[in-house]
Structures are given as C-alpha cells and as structure tokens.
C-alpha cells in the first residue's frame, strides 16, 4: 500500500508528472504494475532511473522536475556552460515528520511444561505440624496456657512501669546531691566563722583581765 501511493506519485494527477518527465528527459516512460519501462538516450535513461529510485525512497518527483527545468534553462546560457550550477539549484531540506512511537515488545512469560503443584489441604498441614491427632481438650488447654502467659507478661510490664514512677530519676538525684554538698559547705563555713568569733572574744577577755591585774599591781606598789 505504501509503494502503491509512491507509484501513483510518479504518474501524477491525470499523468501530468509522467508527461513532464518525458518532456524534460526526452524519453518514453511507461509505468506498469511493479515496473517502469524507459526508452530514450543514455543520459535521459540515467536521469529517469535516479528519479524513479528516489521516488521509491519517499522523495517526491516534483523536486527532480524543478531541478531539470533549471538545468535546461542554464544550458541555453553559453556563459554558464563551464561553471558549477550548484548555487542555482534548489536545496531541499528533509523535514522531520513526527512518527508514532513503537510499542515496547511485551516479553512473554516463560511457561513450564508441567502443571503447577497442588496446594496442600488443611488436613495435610495439620498432619505435618502434628496437630491433627490433638484432642479438643488439649487444644483448649494450650489456648488457656497461652492466655495465662500473655496475662503474666502484661502484669510484669505494669509492675515495671509503677516501679519506674516511684524510682528517682538520675537528674533529680544529682540535683539533691548537689544541694546536699552546698548545704554541708554552708554549714561548715558558718561553723568556722563561729569558732573564729569565739576565739576572738576569748582573747579580748584575757587582754582585759591582764590589763586590770597590771593596773592593780601598780596601785599596790604606790
């Protein structure tokens, strides 16, 4: 379908593109099915071959027709016969047409040849664990034992929490120790002050007594 449209592009509406190619190349061109037949000069056949190949490569034949028309006009001018015609020829740029992104290939899951293993029944699991032969009384006793263990764990946790509430924290004990040392230091200072004042008073009393005795002895001598 893609190449059918490109072949139709080569023929053009009502064969106008094909007629223009025949006039410019001076060749007879016939498009039939998947082939293009050409009759004419060697140079003209080469031009038609390049034009047809580019048309199948998604390059429109109109661009080649414009190029051939410009070359035909330049051939008539004798001053430009030996010059390069590249500057006169049109330069067509390729347009980047946005195409649909290809979908990522979905990897097929590897399926095993053998069917999946049968899931074990409840009875099979009980047989493996050994609970199948346990009586109802034993089951109830086991449940009661688990409940008692959980209760004991809870009571032990509560006791720990209560004990922690009554126990002094490390910060409070440190503060109390600091306060006790400060108080002991203050009491020691006050005691030392009292002892110093008592010693001073005793010295004053002794000096007074000595002065009185000396005064009395002097009066007796007189």
Protein backbone atom coordinates (compact mmCIF):
# COMPACT_ATOMS: atom_id res chain seq x y z
CA UNK A 1 0.00 0.00 0.00
CA UNK A 2 2.88 2.37 0.79
CA UNK A 3 4.63 1.73 -2.53
CA UNK A 4 1.34 1.91 -4.45
CA UNK A 5 0.98 5.53 -3.28
CA UNK A 6 4.56 6.29 -4.32
CA UNK A 7 3.96 4.78 -7.76
CA UNK A 8 0.87 6.97 -8.11
CA UNK A 9 3.02 9.95 -7.11
CA UNK A 10 5.32 9.14 -10.06
CA UNK A 11 2.39 9.15 -12.51
CA UNK A 12 0.75 12.25 -11.02
CA UNK A 13 -2.82 13.55 -11.47
CA UNK A 14 -4.05 12.60 -14.96
CA UNK A 15 -0.45 11.58 -15.87
CA UNK A 16 0.88 15.18 -15.68
CA UNK A 17 4.03 14.28 -13.69
CA UNK A 18 4.89 11.44 -16.09
CA UNK A 19 4.36 13.76 -19.09
CA UNK A 20 6.71 16.40 -17.56
CA UNK A 21 9.40 13.74 -17.01
CA UNK A 22 9.10 12.62 -20.66
CA UNK A 23 9.43 16.20 -21.95
CA UNK A 24 12.46 17.08 -19.78
CA UNK A 25 14.39 13.82 -20.31
CA UNK A 26 13.25 13.26 -23.94
CA UNK A 27 12.45 9.64 -23.08
CA UNK A 28 9.36 7.47 -23.26
CA UNK A 29 8.34 6.27 -19.79
CA UNK A 30 5.73 3.58 -19.09
CA UNK A 31 4.60 2.63 -15.59
CA UNK A 32 3.02 -0.82 -15.46
CA UNK A 33 2.47 -2.82 -12.27
CA UNK A 34 5.73 -3.03 -10.30
CA UNK A 35 7.99 -2.00 -13.21
CA UNK A 36 8.91 1.24 -15.01
CA UNK A 37 9.98 0.92 -18.65
CA UNK A 38 12.12 3.69 -20.25
CA UNK A 39 13.15 4.28 -23.87
CA UNK A 40 15.48 7.12 -24.92
CA UNK A 41 19.04 8.40 -24.76
CA UNK A 42 21.63 7.04 -22.33
CA UNK A 43 21.74 10.33 -20.38
CA UNK A 44 17.96 10.56 -20.19
CA UNK A 45 17.61 6.94 -19.01
CA UNK A 46 20.12 7.61 -16.18
CA UNK A 47 18.11 10.66 -15.05
CA UNK A 48 14.81 8.72 -15.11
CA UNK A 49 16.41 5.82 -13.19
CA UNK A 50 17.60 8.19 -10.42
CA UNK A 51 14.20 9.89 -10.33
CA UNK A 52 12.29 6.60 -10.01
CA UNK A 53 14.63 5.22 -7.32
CA UNK A 54 14.33 8.43 -5.26
CA UNK A 55 10.55 8.34 -5.65
CA UNK A 56 10.50 4.85 -4.14
CA UNK A 57 12.72 6.22 -1.32
CA UNK A 58 9.96 8.73 -0.47
CA UNK A 59 11.46 11.73 -2.36
CA UNK A 60 8.79 13.49 -4.44
CA UNK A 61 9.50 13.63 -8.22
CA UNK A 62 8.49 17.32 -8.30
CA UNK A 63 11.87 18.24 -6.76
CA UNK A 64 13.72 16.49 -9.60
CA UNK A 65 11.44 18.12 -12.19
CA UNK A 66 12.29 21.60 -10.81
CA UNK A 67 16.00 20.73 -10.90
CA UNK A 68 15.76 19.53 -14.52
CA UNK A 69 13.90 22.70 -15.55
CA UNK A 70 16.62 24.92 -14.02
CA UNK A 71 19.37 22.88 -15.72
CA UNK A 72 17.56 23.18 -19.05
CA UNK A 73 17.47 26.98 -18.72
CA UNK A 74 21.14 27.11 -17.68
CA UNK A 75 22.19 25.05 -20.72
CA UNK A 76 20.84 27.78 -23.01
CA UNK A 77 23.22 30.38 -21.49
CA UNK A 78 26.71 29.96 -23.09
CA UNK A 79 28.42 31.98 -20.29
CA UNK A 80 27.37 29.41 -17.65
CA UNK A 81 28.18 26.26 -19.61
CA UNK A 82 31.56 25.65 -17.93
CA UNK A 83 30.58 26.93 -14.44
CA UNK A 84 29.29 25.00 -11.45
CA UNK A 85 25.47 25.05 -11.27
CA UNK A 86 25.16 24.03 -7.63
CA UNK A 87 24.44 27.60 -6.50
CA UNK A 88 21.49 27.83 -8.89
CA UNK A 89 19.94 24.50 -7.98
CA UNK A 90 17.37 24.41 -5.13
CA UNK A 91 18.47 22.85 -1.84
CA UNK A 92 15.63 20.88 -0.29
CA UNK A 93 15.86 20.04 3.40
CA UNK A 94 14.40 16.93 4.91
CA UNK A 95 11.52 17.54 7.27
CA UNK A 96 11.37 15.58 10.49
CA UNK A 97 7.90 14.12 10.42
CA UNK A 98 6.64 13.01 13.81
CA UNK A 99 6.02 9.31 13.70
CA UNK A 100 4.20 7.12 16.09
CA UNK A 101 6.44 5.70 18.77
CA UNK A 102 6.89 1.99 18.57
CA UNK A 103 5.35 -0.01 21.32
CA UNK A 104 7.75 -1.82 23.56
CA UNK A 105 7.81 -5.51 22.83
CA UNK A 106 5.97 -7.41 25.53
CA UNK A 107 8.06 -10.25 26.82
CA UNK A 108 6.19 -13.50 27.00
CA UNK A 109 6.27 -15.20 30.34
CA UNK A 110 8.06 -18.49 30.29
CA UNK A 111 5.57 -21.24 31.00
CA UNK A 112 6.73 -24.58 32.30
CA UNK A 113 5.67 -27.73 30.52
CA UNK A 114 4.44 -29.30 33.75
CA UNK A 115 1.30 -28.18 35.58
CA UNK A 116 1.68 -26.28 38.90
CA UNK A 117 1.94 -28.26 42.10
CA UNK A 118 -1.24 -28.95 44.01
CA UNK A 119 -1.73 -26.73 47.07
CA UNK A 120 -1.79 -28.69 50.34
CA UNK A 121 -5.12 -29.14 52.14
CA UNK A 122 -5.81 -28.04 55.69
CA UNK A 123 -5.69 -31.66 56.86
CA UNK A 124 -2.25 -32.12 55.25
CA UNK A 125 -0.90 -29.05 57.06
CA UNK A 126 -2.30 -30.33 60.37
CA UNK A 127 -0.69 -33.72 59.78
CA UNK A 128 2.69 -32.09 59.09
CA UNK A 129 2.53 -29.99 62.27
CA UNK A 130 1.18 -32.90 64.36
CA UNK A 131 -1.99 -31.04 65.42
CA UNK A 132 -4.28 -33.43 63.60
CA UNK A 133 -4.16 -36.03 66.40
CA UNK A 134 -4.53 -33.47 69.23
CA UNK A 135 -7.87 -33.67 71.09
CA UNK A 136 -10.19 -30.75 71.79
CA UNK A 137 -9.28 -30.72 75.49
CA UNK A 138 -5.59 -30.46 74.67
CA UNK A 139 -6.31 -27.61 72.26
CA UNK A 140 -8.30 -25.73 74.92
CA UNK A 141 -5.55 -26.29 77.48
CA UNK A 142 -2.98 -24.95 75.04
CA UNK A 143 -5.09 -21.84 74.39
CA UNK A 144 -5.61 -21.27 78.13
CA UNK A 145 -1.87 -21.60 78.70
CA UNK A 146 -1.15 -19.00 76.01
CA UNK A 147 -3.71 -16.62 77.57
CA UNK A 148 -2.11 -17.02 81.01
CA UNK A 149 1.36 -16.36 79.61
CA UNK A 150 0.11 -13.18 77.95
CA UNK A 151 -1.51 -12.01 81.21
CA UNK A 152 1.67 -12.63 83.16
CA UNK A 153 3.65 -10.64 80.63
CA UNK A 154 1.21 -7.73 80.92
CA UNK A 155 1.26 -7.73 84.73
CA UNK A 156 5.07 -7.80 84.74
CA UNK A 157 5.16 -4.81 82.39
CA UNK A 158 2.70 -2.87 84.57
CA UNK A 159 4.78 -3.56 87.70
CA UNK A 160 7.88 -2.27 85.95
CA UNK A 161 6.08 0.91 84.93
CA UNK A 162 4.86 1.51 88.50
CA UNK A 163 8.34 0.95 89.95
CA UNK A 164 9.84 3.35 87.44
CA UNK A 165 7.33 6.02 88.52
CA UNK A 166 8.44 5.72 92.20
CA UNK A 167 12.17 5.46 91.47
CA UNK A 168 14.01 8.83 91.41
CA UNK A 169 15.46 9.81 88.14
CA UNK A 170 19.17 10.38 87.61
CA UNK A 171 18.74 14.16 87.19
CA UNK A 172 16.77 14.57 90.44
CA UNK A 173 19.30 12.50 92.41
CA UNK A 174 22.15 14.59 91.00
CA UNK A 175 20.35 17.81 91.98
CA UNK A 176 19.76 16.51 95.50
CA UNK A 177 23.40 15.55 95.84
CA UNK A 178 24.47 18.97 94.65
CA UNK A 179 22.10 20.66 97.13
CA UNK A 180 23.39 18.45 100.00
CA UNK A 181 27.00 19.32 99.24
CA UNK A 182 26.11 23.01 99.08
CA UNK A 183 24.32 22.83 102.45
CA UNK A 184 27.22 20.98 104.08
CA UNK A 185 29.65 23.54 102.69
CA UNK A 186 27.49 26.38 104.06
CA UNK A 187 27.24 24.77 107.50
CA UNK A 188 31.00 24.20 107.58
CA UNK A 189 31.61 27.85 106.71
CA UNK A 190 29.20 29.05 109.42
CA UNK A 191 30.82 26.72 111.99
CA UNK A 192 34.28 28.02 111.13
CA UNK A 193 33.04 31.60 111.45
CA UNK A 194 31.52 30.87 114.89
CA UNK A 195 34.75 29.28 116.11
CA UNK A 196 36.80 32.27 114.92
CA UNK A 197 34.47 34.74 116.65
CA UNK A 198 34.61 32.70 119.90
CA UNK A 199 38.43 32.68 119.85
CA UNK A 200 38.47 36.45 119.29
CA UNK A 201 36.13 37.03 122.24
CA UNK A 202 38.32 34.87 124.50
CA UNK A 203 41.41 36.84 123.54
CA UNK A 204 39.65 40.11 124.29
CA UNK A 205 38.60 38.86 127.74
CA UNK A 206 42.14 37.71 128.51
CA UNK A 207 43.64 41.05 127.47
CA UNK A 208 41.14 42.91 129.63
CA UNK A 209 41.96 40.72 132.64
CA UNK A 210 45.70 41.23 132.14
CA UNK A 211 45.25 44.98 131.94
CA UNK A 212 43.26 45.01 135.22
CA UNK A 213 45.89 42.91 137.00
CA UNK A 214 48.69 45.18 135.85
CA UNK A 215 46.75 48.26 136.96
CA UNK A 216 46.09 46.71 140.43
CA UNK A 217 49.79 45.79 140.96
CA UNK A 218 50.89 49.29 140.10
CA UNK A 219 48.44 50.81 142.65
CA UNK A 220 49.63 48.43 145.38
CA UNK A 221 53.23 49.46 144.83
CA UNK A 222 52.35 53.10 145.20
